[in-house]
Amino acid sequence: MLRVEDLKTYYKTPQGFLKAVDGVSFTLEKGEILGLVGESACGKTTVALSTIRLLSPAAQVMGGKVLLHGEDLLEKTENEMRQVRWRNISIIFQGALNSLNPVLSVKQQIAEAILAHLHLSGEEVDTAINRLFTAVRLDPDRKRNYPHEFSGGMKQRVMIAMALACNPEVVIADEPTTALDVIVQRQILDLIRNLRDELHLSMILITHDLSVVAQLCDKVAIMYAGKIVEFGDIFTIFENPKHPYTQALLKSIPKMEATKARLSHIPGSVPDLTGEVPACRFYGRCQFGQRVCEEVEPKIEQSGPQSSVACHFWRSIEPR
């Protein structure tokens, strides 16, 4: 349904171009949830905003393709993209508090998206909003309330309802559980899973939380410093990770059944993407790094029937 090929998005800064996304490729099938995972500032949100063409003026797509049913969204005009957004592909933005207009009721905000894309009467719009509220487990009688009258979890449900307003085929969820307590997080994740099953949605779930990915996703792409370093089905990545970064992320997750021990961490920091970076961007933090990693960029290669990895030494690295 959705294919991203060699996507490159850079930000113009006084120090030069910051290579936020530098050659990202992945596929999304019908009815599938793909997890896009990595630490903060690795380029996950830039991938989402590039896909839906909602980048800031400082950002430039330098190359690649975003193919929705074979049509390249990067070649469409802005007017053409307005017809695609919300109707074919929509986004649940990170942080509902900052995404909702405080001076408009939630009904007005959802209705705006519906009226822009669907030719419905006022009564039909009202019925559609009632249906959306019911779908996200909110009382339809609350639709005339303003954002400040909802709790954090309820605001997130409103954002999900808004993303589903025009029955899109693909939904991008950008860290939908950020700033929510663990109980509400679980409710939102269960809601997303149920909506996927009921509506047969294809979804991209952006997060830095691997436990969320384990619960929801069918496939996962591990991002580091603007590149995808490992890609595969959820069972392969969690049970037999090949890239040192993936292994380090998994080791840093607390385990209920584990004995009392200090959590693992990844030393160092992400390289400055505005200057010269090693050919392998994880080189400076990798315990297996050698000179070739600094000089020759590792290519993505098949590591299993449904998985791939970008590492020179993945065949000789055993998961720890």
Protein backbone atom coordinates (compact mmCIF):
# COMPACT_ATOMS: atom_id res chain seq x y z
CA MET A 1 0.00 0.00 0.00
CA LEU A 2 2.76 2.44 0.95
CA ARG A 3 6.37 2.26 -0.19
CA VAL A 4 9.07 4.74 0.86
CA GLU A 5 12.22 4.54 -1.26
CA ASP A 6 15.55 6.19 -0.40
CA LEU A 7 13.88 9.19 1.27
CA LYS A 8 16.24 12.07 2.09
CA THR A 9 15.06 15.10 4.05
CA TYR A 10 17.55 17.73 5.24
CA TYR A 11 17.11 20.84 7.41
CA LYS A 12 18.87 24.03 6.42
CA THR A 13 20.84 25.46 9.38
CA PRO A 14 23.53 28.17 9.73
CA GLN A 15 26.08 25.36 10.02
CA GLY A 16 24.90 23.65 6.83
CA PHE A 17 22.38 20.95 6.01
CA LEU A 18 21.37 18.66 8.86
CA LYS A 19 20.75 15.22 7.37
CA ALA A 20 17.74 14.28 9.49
CA VAL A 21 16.57 11.53 7.13
CA ASP A 22 19.22 10.14 4.84
CA GLY A 23 18.17 7.27 2.60
CA VAL A 24 15.22 5.69 4.43
CA SER A 25 13.26 2.87 2.74
CA PHE A 26 10.41 0.67 4.00
CA THR A 27 7.08 -0.83 2.94
CA LEU A 28 3.65 -0.94 4.58
CA GLU A 29 1.07 -3.56 3.64
CA LYS A 30 -2.72 -3.43 3.89
CA GLY A 31 -3.96 -3.92 7.47
CA GLU A 32 -0.43 -3.86 8.89
CA ILE A 33 1.08 -1.84 11.74
CA LEU A 34 4.71 -0.84 11.21
CA GLY A 35 6.68 0.38 14.21
CA LEU A 36 9.26 3.09 13.53
CA VAL A 37 11.59 3.02 16.52
CA GLY A 38 14.63 4.95 17.71
CA GLU A 39 15.86 7.39 20.32
CA SER A 40 14.88 11.06 20.25
CA ALA A 41 16.10 13.12 17.25
CA CYS A 42 16.82 10.09 15.09
CA GLY A 43 14.47 11.29 12.32
CA LYS A 44 11.24 9.39 13.02
CA THR A 45 8.90 12.40 12.99
CA THR A 46 10.68 13.87 9.96
CA VAL A 47 9.91 10.64 8.08
CA ALA A 48 6.22 11.04 9.00
CA LEU A 49 6.05 14.72 8.04
CA SER A 50 7.89 14.04 4.78
CA THR A 51 5.44 11.26 3.94
CA ILE A 52 2.43 13.52 4.37
CA ARG A 53 4.24 16.67 3.09
CA LEU A 54 3.80 18.81 6.22
CA LEU A 55 7.42 19.88 6.69
CA SER A 56 8.57 23.21 8.07
CA PRO A 57 10.04 25.78 5.62
CA ALA A 58 13.57 24.92 6.82
CA ALA A 59 13.20 21.31 5.67
CA GLN A 60 13.83 20.13 2.12
CA VAL A 61 13.17 16.74 0.60
CA MET A 62 16.40 16.11 -1.28
CA GLY A 63 15.44 12.86 -2.96
CA GLY A 64 13.53 9.60 -2.85
CA LYS A 65 9.94 8.52 -3.41
CA VAL A 66 6.82 8.10 -1.28
CA LEU A 67 4.54 5.78 -3.24
CA LEU A 68 0.90 5.40 -2.19
CA HIS A 69 -0.71 2.83 -4.46
CA GLY A 70 2.15 3.49 -6.87
CA GLU A 71 1.63 7.28 -7.02
CA ASP A 72 4.57 9.38 -5.83
CA LEU A 73 3.29 11.87 -3.25
CA LEU A 74 6.50 13.91 -3.53
CA GLU A 75 5.63 14.81 -7.13
CA LYS A 76 2.15 16.11 -6.35
CA THR A 77 1.34 19.82 -6.13
CA GLU A 78 0.23 21.30 -2.83
CA ASN A 79 -3.39 21.43 -4.04
CA GLU A 80 -3.22 17.75 -4.98
CA MET A 81 -1.73 16.89 -1.59
CA ARG A 82 -4.62 18.64 0.16
CA GLN A 83 -6.91 16.05 -1.44
CA VAL A 84 -4.66 13.20 -0.27
CA ARG A 85 -4.26 14.31 3.34
CA TRP A 86 -6.99 13.08 5.67
CA ARG A 87 -8.75 11.34 2.74
CA ASN A 88 -6.04 8.77 1.91
CA ILE A 89 -3.42 9.28 4.59
CA SER A 90 -3.76 11.06 7.94
CA ILE A 91 -1.67 11.68 11.04
CA ILE A 92 -2.22 11.60 14.79
CA PHE A 93 0.12 14.34 15.95
CA GLN A 94 2.37 14.05 18.97
CA GLY A 95 0.90 15.95 21.91
CA ALA A 96 -2.86 16.50 21.60
CA LEU A 97 -2.66 19.51 23.91
CA ASN A 98 -0.68 21.47 21.32
CA SER A 99 -2.55 20.10 18.30
CA LEU A 100 -6.11 21.08 19.19
CA ASN A 101 -7.37 24.66 18.79
CA PRO A 102 -8.39 25.88 22.27
CA VAL A 103 -11.03 28.34 21.00
CA LEU A 104 -13.01 25.87 18.88
CA SER A 105 -15.14 22.98 20.09
CA VAL A 106 -13.88 19.53 19.15
CA LYS A 107 -16.97 19.11 16.97
CA GLN A 108 -16.00 22.17 14.92
CA GLN A 109 -12.44 20.90 14.49
CA ILE A 110 -13.47 17.42 13.35
CA ALA A 111 -16.21 18.83 11.13
CA GLU A 112 -13.68 21.06 9.37
CA ALA A 113 -11.75 18.02 8.13
CA ILE A 114 -14.92 16.23 7.05
CA LEU A 115 -16.36 19.20 5.17
CA ALA A 116 -13.07 19.81 3.36
CA HIS A 117 -13.09 16.33 1.81
CA LEU A 118 -16.57 14.81 1.93
CA HIS A 119 -19.77 16.28 0.49
CA LEU A 120 -22.03 15.82 3.50
CA SER A 121 -24.94 17.81 4.89
CA GLY A 122 -24.87 19.28 8.38
CA GLU A 123 -26.96 16.42 9.73
CA GLU A 124 -24.68 13.84 8.09
CA VAL A 125 -21.60 15.51 9.56
CA ASP A 126 -23.20 15.38 13.01
CA THR A 127 -23.96 11.69 12.55
CA ALA A 128 -20.40 11.03 11.37
CA ILE A 129 -18.94 12.77 14.45
CA ASN A 130 -21.23 10.75 16.74
CA ARG A 131 -19.97 7.58 15.05
CA LEU A 132 -16.35 8.67 15.46
CA PHE A 133 -16.82 9.48 19.15
CA THR A 134 -18.41 6.09 19.70
CA ALA A 135 -15.54 4.39 17.84
CA VAL A 136 -12.92 6.00 20.10
CA ARG A 137 -14.97 5.27 23.25
CA LEU A 138 -16.07 8.84 23.95
CA ASP A 139 -19.59 10.01 24.81
CA PRO A 140 -21.01 11.73 21.67
CA ASP A 141 -22.75 14.25 23.95
CA ARG A 142 -19.28 15.66 24.71
CA LYS A 143 -18.59 16.69 21.10
CA ARG A 144 -19.54 20.33 21.73
CA ASN A 145 -17.03 20.63 24.55
CA TYR A 146 -13.75 22.52 24.20
CA PRO A 147 -10.31 20.85 24.46
CA HIS A 148 -9.68 22.17 28.00
CA GLU A 149 -12.74 20.24 29.19
CA PHE A 150 -11.12 16.90 28.34
CA SER A 151 -8.44 14.94 30.16
CA GLY A 152 -5.14 14.10 28.44
CA GLY A 153 -6.32 10.64 27.42
CA MET A 154 -9.62 12.01 26.11
CA LYS A 155 -7.79 14.65 24.05
CA GLN A 156 -5.74 11.86 22.49
CA ARG A 157 -8.94 10.01 21.62
CA VAL A 158 -10.25 13.19 19.98
CA MET A 159 -7.07 13.34 17.87
CA ILE A 160 -7.59 9.72 16.83
CA ALA A 161 -11.21 10.48 15.91
CA MET A 162 -10.04 13.44 13.82
CA ALA A 163 -7.47 11.29 12.02
CA LEU A 164 -10.20 8.76 11.15
CA ALA A 165 -12.76 11.40 10.11
CA CYS A 166 -12.44 10.80 6.34
CA ASN A 167 -11.87 7.03 6.43
CA PRO A 168 -8.19 7.11 5.40
CA GLU A 169 -6.34 4.02 4.23
CA VAL A 170 -3.12 4.86 6.09
CA VAL A 171 -2.80 6.46 9.53
CA ILE A 172 0.50 7.69 10.98
CA ALA A 173 0.53 7.77 14.79
CA ASP A 174 3.38 9.95 16.04
CA GLU A 175 4.05 8.86 19.63
CA PRO A 176 0.32 8.81 20.52
CA THR A 177 0.94 7.88 24.17
CA THR A 178 3.44 10.63 25.00
CA ALA A 179 2.79 12.35 28.37
CA LEU A 180 0.07 9.85 29.34
CA ASP A 181 0.22 7.70 32.45
CA VAL A 182 0.66 3.96 31.97
CA ILE A 183 -3.01 3.09 32.54
CA VAL A 184 -4.22 5.58 29.92
CA GLN A 185 -1.39 4.48 27.61
CA ARG A 186 -2.73 0.94 27.75
CA GLN A 187 -6.25 2.16 26.94
CA ILE A 188 -5.02 4.15 23.92
CA LEU A 189 -2.93 1.21 22.64
CA ASP A 190 -5.88 -1.16 22.99
CA LEU A 191 -8.03 1.37 21.15
CA ILE A 192 -5.54 1.63 18.28
CA ARG A 193 -5.34 -2.16 17.98
CA ASN A 194 -9.13 -2.53 17.97
CA LEU A 195 -9.59 0.23 15.38
CA ARG A 196 -6.99 -1.41 13.13
CA ASP A 197 -8.86 -4.71 13.33
CA GLU A 198 -12.31 -3.16 12.87
CA LEU A 199 -11.42 -0.74 10.05
CA HIS A 200 -8.58 -2.74 8.41
CA LEU A 201 -6.29 0.26 8.65
CA SER A 202 -2.64 0.34 7.68
CA MET A 203 -0.66 2.22 10.33
CA ILE A 204 2.80 3.58 11.03
CA LEU A 205 3.41 3.81 14.77
CA ILE A 206 6.28 6.12 15.71
CA THR A 207 7.71 5.57 19.18
CA HIS A 208 10.88 5.18 21.21
CA ASP A 209 9.23 2.55 23.41
CA LEU A 210 9.97 -1.01 22.27
CA SER A 211 7.42 -2.43 24.70
CA VAL A 212 4.69 -0.54 22.79
CA VAL A 213 5.99 -1.99 19.53
CA ALA A 214 5.95 -5.51 20.98
CA GLN A 215 2.25 -5.14 21.87
CA LEU A 216 0.96 -3.57 18.66
CA CYS A 217 3.16 -3.97 15.61
CA ASP A 218 3.57 -6.56 12.87
CA LYS A 219 6.89 -5.20 11.59
CA VAL A 220 9.49 -2.84 13.00
CA ALA A 221 12.08 -0.50 11.49
CA ILE A 222 14.90 0.53 13.82
CA MET A 223 16.17 4.06 13.07
CA TYR A 224 19.44 5.60 14.15
CA ALA A 225 20.76 9.05 13.16
CA GLY A 226 18.59 9.37 10.07
CA LYS A 227 18.95 5.82 8.75
CA ILE A 228 17.16 2.52 9.16
CA VAL A 229 19.68 0.06 10.56
CA GLU A 230 17.41 -2.97 10.90
CA PHE A 231 14.01 -3.95 9.52
CA GLY A 232 11.90 -7.07 9.91
CA ASP A 233 8.90 -8.82 11.40
CA ILE A 234 8.36 -8.29 15.10
CA PHE A 235 9.28 -11.82 16.20
CA THR A 236 12.58 -11.89 14.31
CA ILE A 237 13.72 -8.49 15.59
CA PHE A 238 12.87 -9.20 19.23
CA GLU A 239 14.07 -12.80 19.35
CA ASN A 240 17.14 -12.56 17.13
CA PRO A 241 18.30 -8.95 16.63
CA LYS A 242 21.31 -8.58 14.35
CA HIS A 243 22.37 -4.93 14.62
CA PRO A 244 24.35 -3.83 17.71
CA TYR A 245 22.05 -0.83 18.17
CA THR A 246 18.93 -3.01 18.20
CA GLN A 247 20.58 -5.35 20.68
CA ALA A 248 21.53 -2.42 22.91
CA LEU A 249 17.98 -1.02 22.83
CA LEU A 250 16.51 -4.37 23.81
CA LYS A 251 18.99 -4.81 26.67
CA SER A 252 17.98 -1.43 28.10
CA ILE A 253 14.35 -2.52 28.67
CA PRO A 254 13.52 -3.52 32.26
CA LYS A 255 12.31 -7.13 32.52
CA MET A 256 9.84 -8.21 35.18
CA GLU A 257 11.34 -11.68 35.52
CA ALA A 258 14.98 -10.56 35.63
CA THR A 259 17.11 -10.63 38.75
CA LYS A 260 18.03 -7.33 40.36
CA ALA A 261 20.77 -5.74 38.24
CA ARG A 262 21.83 -2.40 36.82
CA LEU A 263 20.17 -1.62 33.49
CA SER A 264 22.34 -1.57 30.39
CA HIS A 265 22.93 1.74 28.61
CA ILE A 266 24.42 2.93 25.32
CA PRO A 267 27.52 5.07 25.94
CA GLY A 268 28.19 8.26 23.96
CA SER A 269 25.72 10.31 21.94
CA VAL A 270 24.27 10.59 18.44
CA PRO A 271 26.74 12.18 15.98
CA ASP A 272 26.27 15.74 14.75
CA LEU A 273 24.44 15.28 11.45
CA THR A 274 25.48 18.69 10.08
CA GLY A 275 29.13 17.78 9.77
CA GLU A 276 31.22 14.84 8.72
CA VAL A 277 29.86 11.60 10.15
CA PRO A 278 31.32 8.09 10.09
CA ALA A 279 30.18 5.85 7.26
CA CYS A 280 28.38 3.81 9.92
CA ARG A 281 26.72 6.39 12.16
CA PHE A 282 26.68 4.04 15.14
CA TYR A 283 30.45 3.51 14.89
CA GLY A 284 31.43 5.81 17.78
CA ARG A 285 29.11 4.00 20.23
CA CYS A 286 29.47 0.42 18.99
CA GLN A 287 31.57 -2.10 20.92
CA PHE A 288 32.12 -4.09 17.72
CA GLY A 289 33.21 -1.12 15.56
CA GLN A 290 36.34 -1.36 13.42
CA ARG A 291 38.09 0.98 10.98
CA VAL A 292 36.01 -0.25 8.04
CA CYS A 293 32.87 1.01 9.83
CA GLU A 294 34.28 4.54 9.82
CA GLU A 295 35.24 4.45 6.16
CA VAL A 296 32.69 2.24 4.32
CA GLU A 297 28.94 2.65 4.74
CA PRO A 298 27.24 -0.69 5.52
CA LYS A 299 24.54 -1.54 3.02
CA ILE A 300 21.15 -2.94 3.95
CA GLU A 301 21.24 -6.66 3.21
CA GLN A 302 18.96 -9.61 3.80
CA SER A 303 19.52 -11.19 7.21
CA GLY A 304 16.55 -13.56 7.18
CA PRO A 305 13.39 -14.46 5.23
CA GLN A 306 11.64 -11.25 6.34
CA SER A 307 14.42 -9.14 7.82
CA SER A 308 17.34 -6.96 6.77
CA VAL A 309 20.23 -5.21 8.54
CA ALA A 310 22.92 -2.61 7.81
CA CYS A 311 26.07 -3.81 9.61
CA HIS A 312 29.42 -5.07 8.33
CA PHE A 313 29.69 -7.69 11.08
CA TRP A 314 26.13 -8.83 11.71
CA ARG A 315 26.94 -12.44 10.83
CA SER A 316 29.53 -12.69 13.60
CA ILE A 317 27.66 -10.76 16.33
CA GLU A 318 25.68 -12.90 18.73
CA PRO A 319 22.77 -11.33 20.64
CA ARG A 320 23.63 -10.76 24.31
